[in-house]
């Protein structure tokens, strides 16, 4: 298990580094570009995740 500090490193990098300014649609882990798992491209899995997120947060976003 990672410490909170170690877990936040990539997020801090993405929020503050000019190296990634304007970068979209990419996945990073430990500050390095990675290939997303195939489930990330599965429309049904994305729909289920979206619905679960809405249910857990109580927030609904209309399309």
PDB file of N, CA and C in Angstrom:
ATOM      1  N   UNK A   1       0.844  -1.174   0.000  1.00  0.00           N
ATOM      2  CA  UNK A   1       0.000   0.000   0.000  1.00  0.00           C
ATOM      3  C   UNK A   1       0.895   1.245   0.000  1.00  0.00           C
ATOM      4  N   UNK A   2       0.472   2.244  -0.741  1.00  0.00           N
ATOM      5  CA  UNK A   2       1.232   3.496  -0.829  1.00  0.00           C
ATOM      6  C   UNK A   2       0.831   4.452   0.282  1.00  0.00           C
ATOM      7  N   UNK A   3       1.765   5.281   0.645  1.00  0.00           N
ATOM      8  CA  UNK A   3       1.456   6.355   1.594  1.00  0.00           C
ATOM      9  C   UNK A   3       0.622   7.402   0.858  1.00  0.00           C
ATOM     10  N   UNK A   4      -0.127   8.221   1.582  1.00  0.00           N
ATOM     11  CA  UNK A   4      -0.879   9.295   0.923  1.00  0.00           C
ATOM     12  C   UNK A   4       0.030  10.199   0.091  1.00  0.00           C
ATOM     13  N   UNK A   5       1.220  10.473   0.593  1.00  0.00           N
ATOM     14  CA  UNK A   5       2.153  11.343  -0.126  1.00  0.00           C
ATOM     15  C   UNK A   5       2.571  10.713  -1.452  1.00  0.00           C
ATOM     16  N   UNK A   6       2.916   9.422  -1.408  1.00  0.00           N
ATOM     17  CA  UNK A   6       3.338   8.723  -2.628  1.00  0.00           C
ATOM     18  C   UNK A   6       2.172   8.621  -3.611  1.00  0.00           C
ATOM     19  N   UNK A   7       0.982   8.347  -3.081  1.00  0.00           N
ATOM     20  CA  UNK A   7      -0.194   8.239  -3.931  1.00  0.00           C
ATOM     21  C   UNK A   7      -0.553   9.544  -4.619  1.00  0.00           C
ATOM     22  N   UNK A   8      -0.215  10.660  -4.008  1.00  0.00           N
ATOM     23  CA  UNK A   8      -0.558  11.974  -4.560  1.00  0.00           C
ATOM     24  C   UNK A   8       0.478  12.497  -5.554  1.00  0.00           C
ATOM     25  N   UNK A   9       1.626  11.864  -5.646  1.00  0.00           N
ATOM     26  CA  UNK A   9       2.707  12.401  -6.485  1.00  0.00           C
ATOM     27  C   UNK A   9       2.281  12.646  -7.935  1.00  0.00           C
ATOM     28  N   UNK A  10       1.629  11.676  -8.573  1.00  0.00           N
ATOM     29  CA  UNK A  10       1.232  11.852  -9.969  1.00  0.00           C
ATOM     30  C   UNK A  10       0.206  12.965 -10.103  1.00  0.00           C
ATOM     31  N   UNK A  11      -0.740  13.050  -9.157  1.00  0.00           N
ATOM     32  CA  UNK A  11      -1.746  14.118  -9.216  1.00  0.00           C
ATOM     33  C   UNK A  11      -1.109  15.493  -9.079  1.00  0.00           C
ATOM     34  N   UNK A  12      -0.159  15.622  -8.181  1.00  0.00           N
ATOM     35  CA  UNK A  12       0.536  16.901  -8.005  1.00  0.00           C
ATOM     36  C   UNK A  12       1.329  17.225  -9.272  1.00  0.00           C
ATOM     37  N   UNK A  13       1.976  16.227  -9.833  1.00  0.00           N
ATOM     38  CA  UNK A  13       2.722  16.414 -11.081  1.00  0.00           C
ATOM     39  C   UNK A  13       1.795  16.905 -12.193  1.00  0.00           C
ATOM     40  N   UNK A  14       0.647  16.246 -12.343  1.00  0.00           N
ATOM     41  CA  UNK A  14      -0.294  16.635 -13.394  1.00  0.00           C
ATOM     42  C   UNK A  14      -0.846  18.035 -13.189  1.00  0.00           C
ATOM     43  N   UNK A  15      -1.037  18.422 -11.952  1.00  0.00           N
ATOM     44  CA  UNK A  15      -1.604  19.738 -11.654  1.00  0.00           C
ATOM     45  C   UNK A  15      -0.593  20.865 -11.787  1.00  0.00           C
ATOM     46  N   UNK A  16       0.698  20.538 -11.740  1.00  0.00           N
ATOM     47  CA  UNK A  16       1.678  21.617 -11.652  1.00  0.00           C
ATOM     48  C   UNK A  16       2.764  21.618 -12.725  1.00  0.00           C
ATOM     49  N   UNK A  17       2.907  20.559 -13.480  1.00  0.00           N
ATOM     50  CA  UNK A  17       4.019  20.488 -14.424  1.00  0.00           C
ATOM     51  C   UNK A  17       3.658  21.055 -15.795  1.00  0.00           C
ATOM     52  N   UNK A  18       4.493  21.935 -16.324  1.00  0.00           N
ATOM     53  CA  UNK A  18       4.268  22.429 -17.686  1.00  0.00           C
ATOM     54  C   UNK A  18       4.476  21.324 -18.730  1.00  0.00           C
ATOM     55  N   UNK A  19       5.142  20.231 -18.353  1.00  0.00           N
ATOM     56  CA  UNK A  19       5.380  19.123 -19.286  1.00  0.00           C
ATOM     57  C   UNK A  19       4.088  18.480 -19.775  1.00  0.00           C
ATOM     58  N   UNK A  20       3.021  18.586 -18.989  1.00  0.00           N
ATOM     59  CA  UNK A  20       1.761  17.931 -19.358  1.00  0.00           C
ATOM     60  C   UNK A  20       0.656  18.933 -19.676  1.00  0.00           C
ATOM     61  N   UNK A  21       1.011  20.192 -19.800  1.00  0.00           N
ATOM     62  CA  UNK A  21       0.016  21.221 -20.106  1.00  0.00           C
ATOM     63  C   UNK A  21      -0.663  20.907 -21.434  1.00  0.00           C
ATOM     64  N   UNK A  22      -1.980  20.890 -21.424  1.00  0.00           N
ATOM     65  CA  UNK A  22      -2.753  20.608 -22.625  1.00  0.00           C
ATOM     66  C   UNK A  22      -2.899  19.128 -22.948  1.00  0.00           C
ATOM     67  N   UNK A  23      -2.273  18.256 -22.172  1.00  0.00           N
ATOM     68  CA  UNK A  23      -2.378  16.820 -22.405  1.00  0.00           C
ATOM     69  C   UNK A  23      -3.755  16.338 -21.948  1.00  0.00           C
ATOM     70  N   UNK A  24      -4.454  15.630 -22.815  1.00  0.00           N
ATOM     71  CA  UNK A  24      -5.759  15.076 -22.456  1.00  0.00           C
ATOM     72  C   UNK A  24      -5.867  13.650 -22.982  1.00  0.00           C
ATOM     73  N   UNK A  25      -6.753  12.882 -22.372  1.00  0.00           N
ATOM     74  CA  UNK A  25      -7.028  11.540 -22.857  1.00  0.00           C
ATOM     75  C   UNK A  25      -5.910  10.545 -22.654  1.00  0.00           C
ATOM     76  N   UNK A  26      -5.024  10.808 -21.716  1.00  0.00           N
ATOM     77  CA  UNK A  26      -3.895   9.916 -21.444  1.00  0.00           C
ATOM     78  C   UNK A  26      -4.006   9.376 -20.024  1.00  0.00           C
ATOM     79  N   UNK A  27      -3.328   8.289 -19.772  1.00  0.00           N
ATOM     80  CA  UNK A  27      -3.291   7.686 -18.444  1.00  0.00           C
ATOM     81  C   UNK A  27      -1.853   7.697 -17.951  1.00  0.00           C
ATOM     82  N   UNK A  28      -1.688   8.104 -16.699  1.00  0.00           N
ATOM     83  CA  UNK A  28      -0.366   8.121 -16.096  1.00  0.00           C
ATOM     84  C   UNK A  28      -0.375   7.338 -14.798  1.00  0.00           C
ATOM     85  N   UNK A  29       0.743   6.722 -14.500  1.00  0.00           N
ATOM     86  CA  UNK A  29       0.956   6.035 -13.236  1.00  0.00           C
ATOM     87  C   UNK A  29       2.402   6.281 -12.853  1.00  0.00           C
ATOM     88  N   UNK A  30       2.615   6.684 -11.637  1.00  0.00           N
ATOM     89  CA  UNK A  30       3.963   7.030 -11.173  1.00  0.00           C
ATOM     90  C   UNK A  30       4.618   8.056 -12.091  1.00  0.00           C
ATOM     91  N   UNK A  31       3.810   8.973 -12.623  1.00  0.00           N
ATOM     92  CA  UNK A  31       4.320  10.044 -13.460  1.00  0.00           C
ATOM     93  C   UNK A  31       4.693   9.626 -14.871  1.00  0.00           C
ATOM     94  N   UNK A  32       4.350   8.392 -15.257  1.00  0.00           N
ATOM     95  CA  UNK A  32       4.704   7.893 -16.585  1.00  0.00           C
ATOM     96  C   UNK A  32       3.442   7.535 -17.357  1.00  0.00           C
ATOM     97  N   UNK A  33       3.473   7.774 -18.679  1.00  0.00           N
ATOM     98  CA  UNK A  33       2.358   7.379 -19.537  1.00  0.00           C
ATOM     99  C   UNK A  33       2.220   5.863 -19.532  1.00  0.00           C
ATOM    100  N   UNK A  34       0.983   5.405 -19.409  1.00  0.00           N
ATOM    101  CA  UNK A  34       0.712   3.971 -19.446  1.00  0.00           C
ATOM    102  C   UNK A  34      -0.447   3.712 -20.403  1.00  0.00           C
ATOM    103  N   UNK A  35      -0.622   2.476 -20.788  1.00  0.00           N
ATOM    104  CA  UNK A  35      -1.766   2.063 -21.589  1.00  0.00           C
ATOM    105  C   UNK A  35      -2.882   1.685 -20.631  1.00  0.00           C
ATOM    106  N   UNK A  36      -4.063   2.213 -20.876  1.00  0.00           N
ATOM    107  CA  UNK A  36      -5.208   1.909 -20.019  1.00  0.00           C
ATOM    108  C   UNK A  36      -5.632   0.464 -20.221  1.00  0.00           C
ATOM    109  N   UNK A  37      -6.217  -0.100 -19.194  1.00  0.00           N
ATOM    110  CA  UNK A  37      -6.774  -1.445 -19.300  1.00  0.00           C
ATOM    111  C   UNK A  37      -7.949  -1.406 -20.275  1.00  0.00           C
ATOM    112  N   UNK A  38      -8.226  -2.516 -20.912  1.00  0.00           N
ATOM    113  CA  UNK A  38      -9.259  -2.563 -21.949  1.00  0.00           C
ATOM    114  C   UNK A  38     -10.629  -2.149 -21.426  1.00  0.00           C
ATOM    115  N   UNK A  39     -10.915  -2.380 -20.153  1.00  0.00           N
ATOM    116  CA  UNK A  39     -12.221  -2.010 -19.596  1.00  0.00           C
ATOM    117  C   UNK A  39     -12.451  -0.499 -19.679  1.00  0.00           C
ATOM    118  N   UNK A  40     -11.393   0.283 -19.742  1.00  0.00           N
ATOM    119  CA  UNK A  40     -11.533   1.740 -19.843  1.00  0.00           C
ATOM    120  C   UNK A  40     -12.185   2.151 -21.163  1.00  0.00           C
ATOM    121  N   UNK A  41     -12.154   1.277 -22.150  1.00  0.00           N
ATOM    122  CA  UNK A  41     -12.723   1.576 -23.462  1.00  0.00           C
ATOM    123  C   UNK A  41     -14.070   0.888 -23.688  1.00  0.00           C
ATOM    124  N   UNK A  42     -14.574   0.197 -22.664  1.00  0.00           N
ATOM    125  CA  UNK A  42     -15.826  -0.556 -22.756  1.00  0.00           C
ATOM    126  C   UNK A  42     -17.001   0.360 -22.419  1.00  0.00           C
ATOM    127  N   UNK A  43     -17.855   0.683 -23.401  1.00  0.00           N
ATOM    128  CA  UNK A  43     -18.964   1.614 -23.154  1.00  0.00           C
ATOM    129  C   UNK A  43     -19.908   1.152 -22.042  1.00  0.00           C
ATOM    130  N   UNK A  44     -20.182  -0.132 -21.964  1.00  0.00           N
ATOM    131  CA  UNK A  44     -21.080  -0.644 -20.924  1.00  0.00           C
ATOM    132  C   UNK A  44     -20.454  -0.497 -19.534  1.00  0.00           C
ATOM    133  N   UNK A  45     -19.172  -0.772 -19.422  1.00  0.00           N
ATOM    134  CA  UNK A  45     -18.481  -0.607 -18.138  1.00  0.00           C
ATOM    135  C   UNK A  45     -18.465   0.862 -17.732  1.00  0.00           C
ATOM    136  N   UNK A  46     -18.260   1.758 -18.694  1.00  0.00           N
ATOM    137  CA  UNK A  46     -18.268   3.195 -18.385  1.00  0.00           C
ATOM    138  C   UNK A  46     -19.644   3.642 -17.915  1.00  0.00           C
ATOM    139  N   UNK A  47     -20.702   3.135 -18.567  1.00  0.00           N
ATOM    140  CA  UNK A  47     -22.064   3.488 -18.170  1.00  0.00           C
ATOM    141  C   UNK A  47     -22.347   3.021 -16.742  1.00  0.00           C
ATOM    142  N   UNK A  48     -21.960   1.784 -16.424  1.00  0.00           N
ATOM    143  CA  UNK A  48     -22.184   1.250 -15.075  1.00  0.00           C
ATOM    144  C   UNK A  48     -21.412   2.055 -14.029  1.00  0.00           C
ATOM    145  N   UNK A  49     -20.187   2.424 -14.344  1.00  0.00           N
ATOM    146  CA  UNK A  49     -19.394   3.228 -13.415  1.00  0.00           C
ATOM    147  C   UNK A  49     -20.035   4.591 -13.204  1.00  0.00           C
ATOM    148  N   UNK A  50     -20.519   5.204 -14.283  1.00  0.00           N
ATOM    149  CA  UNK A  50     -21.173   6.510 -14.179  1.00  0.00           C
ATOM    150  C   UNK A  50     -22.410   6.414 -13.289  1.00  0.00           C
ATOM    151  N   UNK A  51     -23.240   5.390 -13.525  1.00  0.00           N
ATOM    152  CA  UNK A  51     -24.449   5.213 -12.722  1.00  0.00           C
ATOM    153  C   UNK A  51     -24.113   4.965 -11.255  1.00  0.00           C
ATOM    154  N   UNK A  52     -23.107   4.138 -10.997  1.00  0.00           N
ATOM    155  CA  UNK A  52     -22.700   3.876  -9.614  1.00  0.00           C
ATOM    156  C   UNK A  52     -22.212   5.161  -8.956  1.00  0.00           C
ATOM    157  N   UNK A  53     -21.459   5.971  -9.698  1.00  0.00           N
ATOM    158  CA  UNK A  53     -20.964   7.241  -9.155  1.00  0.00           C
ATOM    159  C   UNK A  53     -22.116   8.177  -8.819  1.00  0.00           C
ATOM    160  N   UNK A  54     -23.107   8.253  -9.705  1.00  0.00           N
ATOM    161  CA  UNK A  54     -24.277   9.087  -9.426  1.00  0.00           C
ATOM    162  C   UNK A  54     -25.021   8.592  -8.187  1.00  0.00           C
ATOM    163  N   UNK A  55     -25.199   7.281  -8.081  1.00  0.00           N
ATOM    164  CA  UNK A  55     -25.913   6.723  -6.935  1.00  0.00           C
ATOM    165  C   UNK A  55     -25.161   6.955  -5.628  1.00  0.00           C
ATOM    166  N   UNK A  56     -23.858   6.795  -5.646  1.00  0.00           N
ATOM    167  CA  UNK A  56     -23.061   6.958  -4.428  1.00  0.00           C
ATOM    168  C   UNK A  56     -22.961   8.412  -3.984  1.00  0.00           C
ATOM    169  N   UNK A  57     -22.937   9.325  -4.942  1.00  0.00           N
ATOM    170  CA  UNK A  57     -22.797  10.745  -4.591  1.00  0.00           C
ATOM    171  C   UNK A  57     -24.131  11.453  -4.440  1.00  0.00           C
ATOM    172  N   UNK A  58     -25.179  10.862  -5.003  1.00  0.00           N
ATOM    173  CA  UNK A  58     -26.478  11.525  -4.991  1.00  0.00           C
ATOM    174  C   UNK A  58     -26.565  12.653  -6.000  1.00  0.00           C
ATOM    175  N   UNK A  59     -25.589  12.750  -6.890  1.00  0.00           N
ATOM    176  CA  UNK A  59     -25.564  13.795  -7.917  1.00  0.00           C
ATOM    177  C   UNK A  59     -25.945  13.190  -9.255  1.00  0.00           C
ATOM    178  N   UNK A  60     -26.849  13.832  -9.952  1.00  0.00           N
ATOM    179  CA  UNK A  60     -27.263  13.373 -11.274  1.00  0.00           C
ATOM    180  C   UNK A  60     -26.874  14.435 -12.298  1.00  0.00           C
ATOM    181  N   UNK A  61     -26.287  13.993 -13.385  1.00  0.00           N
ATOM    182  CA  UNK A  61     -25.911  14.897 -14.464  1.00  0.00           C
ATOM    183  C   UNK A  61     -26.723  14.505 -15.682  1.00  0.00           C
ATOM    184  N   UNK A  62     -27.523  15.421 -16.173  1.00  0.00           N
ATOM    185  CA  UNK A  62     -28.324  15.124 -17.358  1.00  0.00           C
ATOM    186  C   UNK A  62     -27.506  15.387 -18.609  1.00  0.00           C
ATOM    187  N   UNK A  63     -27.696  14.539 -19.583  1.00  0.00           N
ATOM    188  CA  UNK A  63     -26.931  14.671 -20.833  1.00  0.00           C
ATOM    189  C   UNK A  63     -27.653  15.552 -21.812  1.00  0.00           C
TER     190      UNK A  63
END
